[in-house]
Structures are given as structure tokens and as C-alpha cells.
Amino acid sequence: MASGWAIIGTGAFAGARIAPALNKALGCRLVAVVSRERDRAEAFAQEHGAPRAYDDLHAALRDPDVQCVWVATPHALHLEPVLAAAAAGKHVLCEKPLATTRADAREMLRACRRAGVQLGTGFHLRHHPLHREARRLVQDGALGAIGFAEAEWSTPVRRPGEGYSAAWRSDPALALAGITTGTGIHAIDLLRYVLDDEITAVSALSDAETSPVSPLETRAVALLRFSRGTLATVRCLRGVPQPHNNLELLGVSARLDALHTLDEVARGTLEGFGVEPELSGTPAGTDLYALQAEAFVQAVQEGGEPNASGEDGLRMVEALDALLESARTGRTISLG
């Protein structure tokens, strides 16, 4: 039987990505949506075929048809719905960043573990078939030791009204930061996932003090050191003409490039130099968010950790903290 989902938060991203994904993901069905505004919830439910709309979170969590919730509220408002869902015995997939403080992220993990429910973090790039192939090749040693890696997710120049321009994204109290919480954290998590390694130090620069939406940065560059010695750079820039949005891995015996793969939609190609990937192009019809929902339900059914887990979400909150502190202070920040 398909797992019933409730979406908590009815913003543009939920409408463009989450609801369509749940309506096509195998083993999933969208049964409810939650918004603080009743009219908004009802309009969203009608548009996306959800049978029920709620303006009361706890009423939605009492719905027996809801087994999983997808939290898509503003960044700083993740804690309450995650804790409430855990208390109600519902499994939780929470959008990134998992929280805006380490304390909140740890509290989420503790609550879900106590309740015996799964907690996942919304890092959809882990489900791109080409990124999964890159991870396999790294784990198999096909590239040799990885000396350097690079990931970019920048956004193109947009006309007014394009993209997700909700007002809360310009409010530091709700968004925490700018482009780094929008795309940069995805690039960092992707490197951690593909390299299967932990970040030990972060050094970063940003335009937070001079950006058009100061103190929220529109440009950031980070240098990461991983525990096995890999050095990596991350770029996230807003308003770039034709951004490449590539993942590059330089090993001692081979090189691997995932071209144009860092995106919300599944696209791109995989090129190897000194190595032959089994998969070179993106399979037609791939929906990264649908794959993410399917993988989450499988983890729930099998009792395994989601990919990405709440623990992965915490690691990225720590890395994000380090990036912002480094950009603010000019120091290299070490991670335990």
C-alpha cells in the first residue's frame, strides 16, 4: 500500500517540486497539505489533487492516512513541525538546511530517535543517477585517491518574477543566509556524499557586507578540506550568465566530470578521462524529488537510514555554520 504524505508549507517550491513529485513517485500518495492560511491550503490541495487541506498542523498529524510529512516551511521554522510530527509518530523528510542552529538540529534528531521515526534531509542531488555513479566509481577506487574536487551551483540572471522569490528568503531571521542556504549547501553535501568523506576544515569568502540584499550574501566561495586529504572548492553565485553547475573530481589515476548536473531538474552528462562510467547520460523522465520520496519510503519500510539522513542534515548545519563564520571572520574554521 502506498504511503500517505502531508506537505507542511505551501510555498512556490512545494508547488513546483514537492507536490508533483509525490504525485508521480512509486509507493507514495499526496493526501494532505498544511498552511497557516486555510484558503491557501485549500487552493494548493485543489491544484495538486490532495484530498484534504489543513490550517492546523496537529489536526493534520492526527490524520490516520498520513504516514510521512515533507516539511517545506521557511528555514527557521523547521523545528516545530519536525518535533510535532515525531510526537505524532510520523516519519519526516525535512527540506534543507535541516535547521538554522546546531541545537535545533540535534533536538530534531533526538526527538525522532526517541519516537522511533525516520528523519531525512532534502538533498535531492544525492538521487541524481550520474552523482550516484560518480560515488560508485570513487568507492570502487576507479579514480585513485581524490586530490581535488569542485562543485558549483550558481543561478542565472533572472527576470523579475522568475525563481523562488518569497519575501522570507530576504529575512535573515527566517532564511539565516542567502545563496549558501539556497544552493551552496547542496553543493557541499554533494561533495561529502560523492567522496564519502567528512569535512574537517572550511575557509570561505562572501559578499555579505556589500551584496544588494546585505547581510544576506549573493556570492560565496568556499575551500574545504576532507579527512582523507581531498581539497575541494564550492562556488555559489547569483546572477551568472550561463552557469556551468558542474561536479569535477580529480583522482591520481583518472578524472570524472558531471557536467550541468547541479540543478533542480535532472540533466547533464558524465565524462570520464582514464575511467569508463557505466552511465553517461541522464535517463529520460528522471525526477530527482520523486526518487528522493521513493528512497525515503523504502528506508521507512526497511528500517534503514534515509539518504540523506537527519545526521547528514546536522553535518551540513555544522558546515554551514563554519562557512558563515569563516566568511565573517576571515579565519579557517575546523570541524570536529
Protein backbone atom coordinates (compact mmCIF):
# COMPACT_ATOMS: atom_id res chain seq x y z
CA MET A 1 0.00 0.00 0.00
CA ALA A 2 1.27 3.47 -0.87
CA SER A 3 2.48 5.68 1.96
CA GLY A 4 0.34 8.77 2.58
CA TRP A 5 2.16 12.10 2.67
CA ALA A 6 1.32 15.54 4.02
CA ILE A 7 3.20 18.60 2.79
CA ILE A 8 3.77 21.19 5.51
CA GLY A 9 4.20 24.53 3.78
CA THR A 10 2.57 25.60 0.53
CA GLY A 11 5.13 27.95 -0.99
CA ALA A 12 6.27 28.11 -4.60
CA PHE A 13 8.89 25.40 -4.16
CA ALA A 14 6.37 22.96 -2.69
CA GLY A 15 4.05 23.62 -5.59
CA ALA A 16 6.71 23.37 -8.28
CA ARG A 17 8.69 20.39 -7.00
CA ILE A 18 7.32 18.53 -3.98
CA ALA A 19 3.65 18.06 -4.86
CA PRO A 20 4.32 16.96 -8.48
CA ALA A 21 6.99 14.55 -7.22
CA LEU A 22 4.67 12.91 -4.70
CA ASN A 23 2.00 12.56 -7.37
CA LYS A 24 4.37 10.54 -9.56
CA ALA A 25 6.59 8.73 -7.02
CA LEU A 26 6.04 4.99 -6.73
CA GLY A 27 4.66 3.94 -3.37
CA CYS A 28 3.62 7.49 -2.45
CA ARG A 29 0.36 9.40 -2.45
CA LEU A 30 -0.29 13.01 -1.51
CA VAL A 31 -3.17 13.02 0.98
CA ALA A 32 -2.93 16.37 2.79
CA VAL A 33 -1.40 19.83 2.76
CA VAL A 34 -0.89 22.22 5.66
CA SER A 35 -0.75 26.02 5.61
CA ARG A 36 -1.37 28.64 8.25
CA GLU A 37 -3.94 30.15 5.88
CA ARG A 38 -7.00 27.99 5.23
CA ASP A 39 -7.73 29.48 1.80
CA ARG A 40 -4.14 28.93 0.72
CA ALA A 41 -4.19 25.31 1.88
CA GLU A 42 -7.44 24.61 0.06
CA ALA A 43 -6.24 26.22 -3.17
CA PHE A 44 -2.98 24.25 -3.04
CA ALA A 45 -4.81 20.99 -2.32
CA GLN A 46 -7.20 21.53 -5.20
CA GLU A 47 -4.40 22.37 -7.62
CA HIS A 48 -2.38 19.27 -6.75
CA GLY A 49 -5.12 16.75 -6.09
CA ALA A 50 -4.70 16.39 -2.32
CA PRO A 51 -7.98 15.23 -0.74
CA ARG A 52 -7.54 17.24 2.47
CA ALA A 53 -6.34 20.73 3.42
CA TYR A 54 -5.48 21.84 6.94
CA ASP A 55 -4.66 25.13 8.65
CA ASP A 56 -3.92 23.24 11.92
CA LEU A 57 -0.69 21.24 11.96
CA HIS A 58 -1.79 18.99 14.81
CA ALA A 59 -5.08 18.18 13.11
CA ALA A 60 -3.15 17.08 10.03
CA LEU A 61 -0.87 14.92 12.17
CA ARG A 62 -3.92 13.17 13.64
CA ASP A 63 -4.98 12.16 10.12
CA PRO A 64 -4.63 8.34 10.03
CA ASP A 65 -3.89 8.43 6.29
CA VAL A 66 -0.71 10.44 6.87
CA GLN A 67 2.36 8.30 7.49
CA CYS A 68 5.05 10.72 6.26
CA VAL A 69 5.39 14.50 6.23
CA TRP A 70 7.52 16.70 4.00
CA VAL A 71 8.47 19.91 5.82
CA ALA A 72 8.82 22.83 3.39
CA THR A 73 8.43 25.84 5.68
CA PRO A 74 10.96 28.71 5.85
CA HIS A 75 14.34 27.54 7.16
CA ALA A 76 13.99 28.88 10.69
CA LEU A 77 10.54 27.29 11.10
CA HIS A 78 11.54 23.64 10.68
CA LEU A 79 11.83 22.76 14.36
CA GLU A 80 8.17 22.90 15.43
CA PRO A 81 6.71 20.72 12.65
CA VAL A 82 9.52 18.17 12.92
CA LEU A 83 9.04 17.81 16.69
CA ALA A 84 5.25 17.67 16.32
CA ALA A 85 5.47 15.03 13.59
CA ALA A 86 7.84 12.92 15.68
CA ALA A 87 5.50 13.16 18.68
CA ALA A 88 2.64 12.00 16.42
CA GLY A 89 4.65 9.04 15.16
CA LYS A 90 5.05 10.37 11.61
CA HIS A 91 8.21 9.94 9.54
CA VAL A 92 9.76 13.26 8.48
CA LEU A 93 11.55 14.43 5.34
CA CYS A 94 12.67 18.00 6.05
CA GLU A 95 13.96 20.45 3.48
CA LYS A 96 17.50 21.76 3.81
CA PRO A 97 19.01 23.24 5.83
CA LEU A 98 17.65 20.90 8.48
CA ALA A 99 17.80 23.78 10.96
CA THR A 100 19.36 27.20 11.37
CA THR A 101 21.19 26.22 14.58
CA ARG A 102 23.08 23.13 15.66
CA ALA A 103 20.99 22.95 18.82
CA ASP A 104 17.74 22.76 16.82
CA ALA A 105 19.17 20.10 14.51
CA ARG A 106 20.28 17.97 17.45
CA GLU A 107 16.90 18.34 19.10
CA MET A 108 15.22 17.12 15.90
CA LEU A 109 17.47 14.06 15.78
CA ARG A 110 16.83 13.23 19.43
CA ALA A 111 13.06 13.62 19.08
CA CYS A 112 12.85 11.37 16.02
CA ARG A 113 15.09 8.72 17.56
CA ARG A 114 13.04 8.69 20.78
CA ALA A 115 9.84 8.36 18.75
CA GLY A 116 11.27 5.63 16.53
CA VAL A 117 10.55 7.55 13.31
CA GLN A 118 12.83 8.28 10.39
CA LEU A 119 14.25 11.76 9.81
CA GLY A 120 15.55 12.65 6.37
CA THR A 121 17.01 15.84 4.90
CA GLY A 122 16.06 17.15 1.46
CA PHE A 123 19.29 16.82 -0.51
CA HIS A 124 17.86 15.79 -3.87
CA LEU A 125 21.22 15.89 -5.68
CA ARG A 126 22.15 12.61 -3.97
CA HIS A 127 19.49 10.95 -6.11
CA HIS A 128 20.79 12.10 -9.49
CA PRO A 129 21.78 8.91 -11.35
CA LEU A 130 25.05 10.48 -12.51
CA HIS A 131 26.01 11.53 -8.99
CA ARG A 132 25.29 8.02 -7.74
CA GLU A 133 27.50 6.64 -10.50
CA ALA A 134 30.26 9.09 -9.54
CA ARG A 135 30.04 7.92 -5.92
CA ARG A 136 30.25 4.28 -7.04
CA LEU A 137 33.38 4.94 -9.09
CA VAL A 138 35.02 6.76 -6.17
CA GLN A 139 34.16 3.96 -3.75
CA ASP A 140 35.46 1.35 -6.20
CA GLY A 141 38.79 3.20 -6.39
CA ALA A 142 38.46 3.74 -10.13
CA LEU A 143 39.87 7.27 -9.90
CA GLY A 144 42.50 6.53 -7.28
CA ALA A 145 42.85 8.86 -4.33
CA ILE A 146 40.94 12.11 -4.97
CA GLY A 147 43.30 15.05 -4.67
CA PHE A 148 40.88 17.80 -5.67
CA ALA A 149 37.16 18.23 -6.26
CA GLU A 150 34.96 21.14 -7.25
CA ALA A 151 31.22 21.77 -7.25
CA GLU A 152 29.28 24.80 -8.44
CA TRP A 153 25.61 25.63 -8.19
CA SER A 154 25.10 29.19 -9.33
CA THR A 155 21.87 30.73 -10.58
CA PRO A 156 21.39 32.51 -13.92
CA VAL A 157 20.32 36.07 -14.46
CA ARG A 158 16.55 36.10 -13.93
CA ARG A 159 13.83 38.45 -14.97
CA PRO A 160 11.55 39.85 -12.24
CA GLY A 161 9.15 37.18 -11.02
CA GLU A 162 11.32 34.21 -12.03
CA GLY A 163 12.54 31.72 -9.45
CA TYR A 164 11.54 31.40 -5.81
CA SER A 165 11.37 34.99 -4.63
CA ALA A 166 9.32 34.61 -1.44
CA ALA A 167 9.78 37.55 0.91
CA TRP A 168 11.06 35.35 3.75
CA ARG A 169 14.16 34.48 1.74
CA SER A 170 15.33 38.08 2.24
CA ASP A 171 14.76 37.96 6.01
CA PRO A 172 17.86 36.77 7.95
CA ALA A 173 15.64 35.72 10.87
CA LEU A 174 13.88 33.18 8.61
CA ALA A 175 16.44 32.36 5.92
CA LEU A 176 19.66 32.57 8.02
CA ALA A 177 21.74 33.31 4.93
CA GLY A 178 21.45 33.90 1.20
CA ILE A 179 22.80 31.88 -1.72
CA THR A 180 24.65 29.47 0.59
CA THR A 181 21.40 28.19 2.09
CA GLY A 182 19.77 28.13 -1.33
CA THR A 183 22.30 26.26 -3.47
CA GLY A 184 25.69 26.28 -1.74
CA ILE A 185 24.68 23.79 0.94
CA HIS A 186 23.56 21.39 -1.82
CA ALA A 187 26.99 21.58 -3.47
CA ILE A 188 28.76 20.97 -0.16
CA ASP A 189 26.56 17.99 0.68
CA LEU A 190 27.07 16.56 -2.81
CA LEU A 191 30.84 16.61 -2.34
CA ARG A 192 30.52 14.92 1.04
CA TYR A 193 28.22 12.30 -0.50
CA VAL A 194 30.25 11.52 -3.62
CA LEU A 195 33.58 11.50 -1.77
CA ASP A 196 32.04 9.53 1.13
CA ASP A 197 34.20 11.60 3.45
CA GLU A 198 33.88 14.15 6.24
CA ILE A 199 34.78 17.83 6.12
CA THR A 200 37.48 18.81 8.60
CA ALA A 201 38.05 22.49 7.77
CA VAL A 202 36.30 25.34 5.93
CA SER A 203 37.64 28.64 4.63
CA ALA A 204 35.22 30.97 2.84
CA LEU A 205 34.66 34.39 1.33
CA SER A 206 31.34 36.06 0.56
CA ASP A 207 29.85 39.41 -0.40
CA ALA A 208 27.58 39.53 2.69
CA GLU A 209 28.70 43.05 3.63
CA THR A 210 28.24 44.56 0.16
CA SER A 211 25.55 42.45 -1.51
CA PRO A 212 22.32 44.05 -2.77
CA VAL A 213 20.43 42.21 0.00
CA SER A 214 23.07 42.64 2.73
CA PRO A 215 23.56 40.99 5.20
CA LEU A 216 22.49 38.05 3.01
CA GLU A 217 25.20 37.05 0.57
CA THR A 218 24.65 36.66 -3.16
CA ARG A 219 28.17 35.31 -3.84
CA ALA A 220 30.20 32.83 -1.84
CA VAL A 221 33.27 30.69 -2.46
CA ALA A 222 34.47 28.04 -0.01
CA LEU A 223 37.57 25.87 0.28
CA LEU A 224 37.01 22.56 2.05
CA ARG A 225 39.45 20.03 3.46
CA PHE A 226 38.27 16.45 3.86
CA SER A 227 39.57 13.88 6.32
CA ARG A 228 41.37 11.81 3.65
CA GLY A 229 43.18 14.90 2.37
CA THR A 230 40.97 15.94 -0.55
CA LEU A 231 40.83 19.67 -1.13
CA ALA A 232 37.62 20.98 -2.69
CA THR A 233 36.11 24.27 -3.76
CA VAL A 234 32.45 25.27 -3.82
CA ARG A 235 31.03 28.20 -5.78
CA CYS A 236 27.54 29.60 -5.44
CA LEU A 237 26.83 32.87 -7.20
CA ARG A 238 23.60 34.63 -8.05
CA GLY A 239 23.05 36.21 -11.47
CA VAL A 240 25.66 34.33 -13.53
CA PRO A 241 25.30 34.20 -17.33
CA GLN A 242 25.02 30.51 -18.27
CA PRO A 243 26.44 28.95 -15.08
CA HIS A 244 28.13 25.58 -15.65
CA ASN A 245 26.99 23.92 -12.40
CA ASN A 246 29.41 21.03 -12.73
CA LEU A 247 30.91 18.50 -10.35
CA GLU A 248 34.60 17.74 -11.00
CA LEU A 249 36.68 15.01 -9.39
CA LEU A 250 40.44 14.80 -9.96
CA GLY A 251 41.98 11.50 -8.86
CA VAL A 252 45.58 10.38 -9.10
CA SER A 253 44.71 7.95 -11.91
CA ALA A 254 41.57 9.38 -13.55
CA ARG A 255 39.27 12.37 -13.81
CA LEU A 256 35.47 12.49 -13.72
CA ASP A 257 33.25 15.42 -14.71
CA ALA A 258 29.49 15.56 -14.13
CA LEU A 259 28.50 18.39 -16.45
CA HIS A 260 25.49 20.65 -15.71
CA THR A 261 24.11 18.22 -13.13
CA LEU A 262 23.66 20.55 -10.14
CA ASP A 263 20.10 21.69 -10.65
CA GLU A 264 16.53 21.10 -9.52
CA VAL A 265 15.79 19.14 -12.68
CA ALA A 266 17.66 16.01 -13.79
CA ARG A 267 20.00 16.89 -16.61
CA GLY A 268 23.64 16.61 -17.58
CA THR A 269 26.25 14.13 -18.74
CA LEU A 270 29.13 12.23 -17.11
CA GLU A 271 32.56 12.27 -18.75
CA GLY A 272 35.49 10.17 -17.64
CA PHE A 273 39.16 10.54 -18.52
CA GLY A 274 41.06 7.37 -17.65
CA VAL A 275 37.85 5.77 -16.43
CA GLU A 276 34.71 4.48 -18.17
CA PRO A 277 31.42 5.27 -16.38
CA GLU A 278 28.65 2.71 -16.84
CA LEU A 279 26.19 5.61 -17.17
CA SER A 280 26.99 8.73 -19.17
CA GLY A 281 23.65 10.46 -19.73
CA THR A 282 20.63 11.31 -17.59
CA PRO A 283 17.79 8.79 -18.05
CA ALA A 284 14.71 10.37 -19.64
CA GLY A 285 11.89 11.21 -17.26
CA THR A 286 14.04 11.29 -14.13
CA ASP A 287 12.53 13.40 -11.33
CA LEU A 288 15.04 13.87 -8.52
CA TYR A 289 12.38 14.72 -5.95
CA ALA A 290 10.28 11.69 -6.85
CA LEU A 291 13.37 9.48 -6.50
CA GLN A 292 14.03 11.12 -3.13
CA ALA A 293 10.49 10.35 -1.92
CA GLU A 294 10.71 6.76 -3.14
CA ALA A 295 14.04 6.24 -1.39
CA PHE A 296 12.66 7.73 1.83
CA VAL A 297 9.65 5.39 1.81
CA GLN A 298 11.94 2.44 1.15
CA ALA A 299 14.06 3.42 4.17
CA VAL A 300 10.93 3.66 6.29
CA GLN A 301 9.73 0.24 5.18
CA GLU A 302 13.11 -1.43 5.61
CA GLY A 303 14.07 0.37 8.81
CA GLY A 304 17.27 1.81 7.32
CA GLU A 305 18.63 5.35 7.40
CA PRO A 306 17.28 7.68 4.69
CA ASN A 307 19.63 9.08 2.12
CA ALA A 308 20.23 11.81 3.28
CA SER A 309 19.57 11.20 6.97
CA GLY A 310 18.97 13.62 9.80
CA GLU A 311 22.59 13.02 10.80
CA ASP A 312 23.64 14.17 7.32
CA GLY A 313 21.45 17.24 7.85
CA LEU A 314 23.24 18.00 11.11
CA ARG A 315 26.65 17.66 9.44
CA MET A 316 25.58 20.25 6.87
CA VAL A 317 24.31 22.65 9.54
CA GLU A 318 27.78 22.41 11.10
CA ALA A 319 29.45 23.02 7.73
CA LEU A 320 27.15 25.96 7.01
CA ASP A 321 27.94 27.48 10.40
CA ALA A 322 31.65 27.13 9.66
CA LEU A 323 31.28 28.69 6.20
CA LEU A 324 29.40 31.71 7.50
CA GLU A 325 31.80 32.17 10.41
CA SER A 326 34.83 31.93 8.13
CA ALA A 327 33.38 34.45 5.68
CA ARG A 328 32.62 36.80 8.58
CA THR A 329 35.94 36.50 10.42
CA GLY A 330 38.44 35.62 7.69
CA ARG A 331 39.58 32.56 9.67
CA THR A 332 39.74 28.91 8.66
CA ILE A 333 37.23 27.02 10.81
CA SER A 334 37.97 23.46 11.91
CA LEU A 335 35.22 20.88 12.26
CA GLY A 336 35.36 18.02 14.73
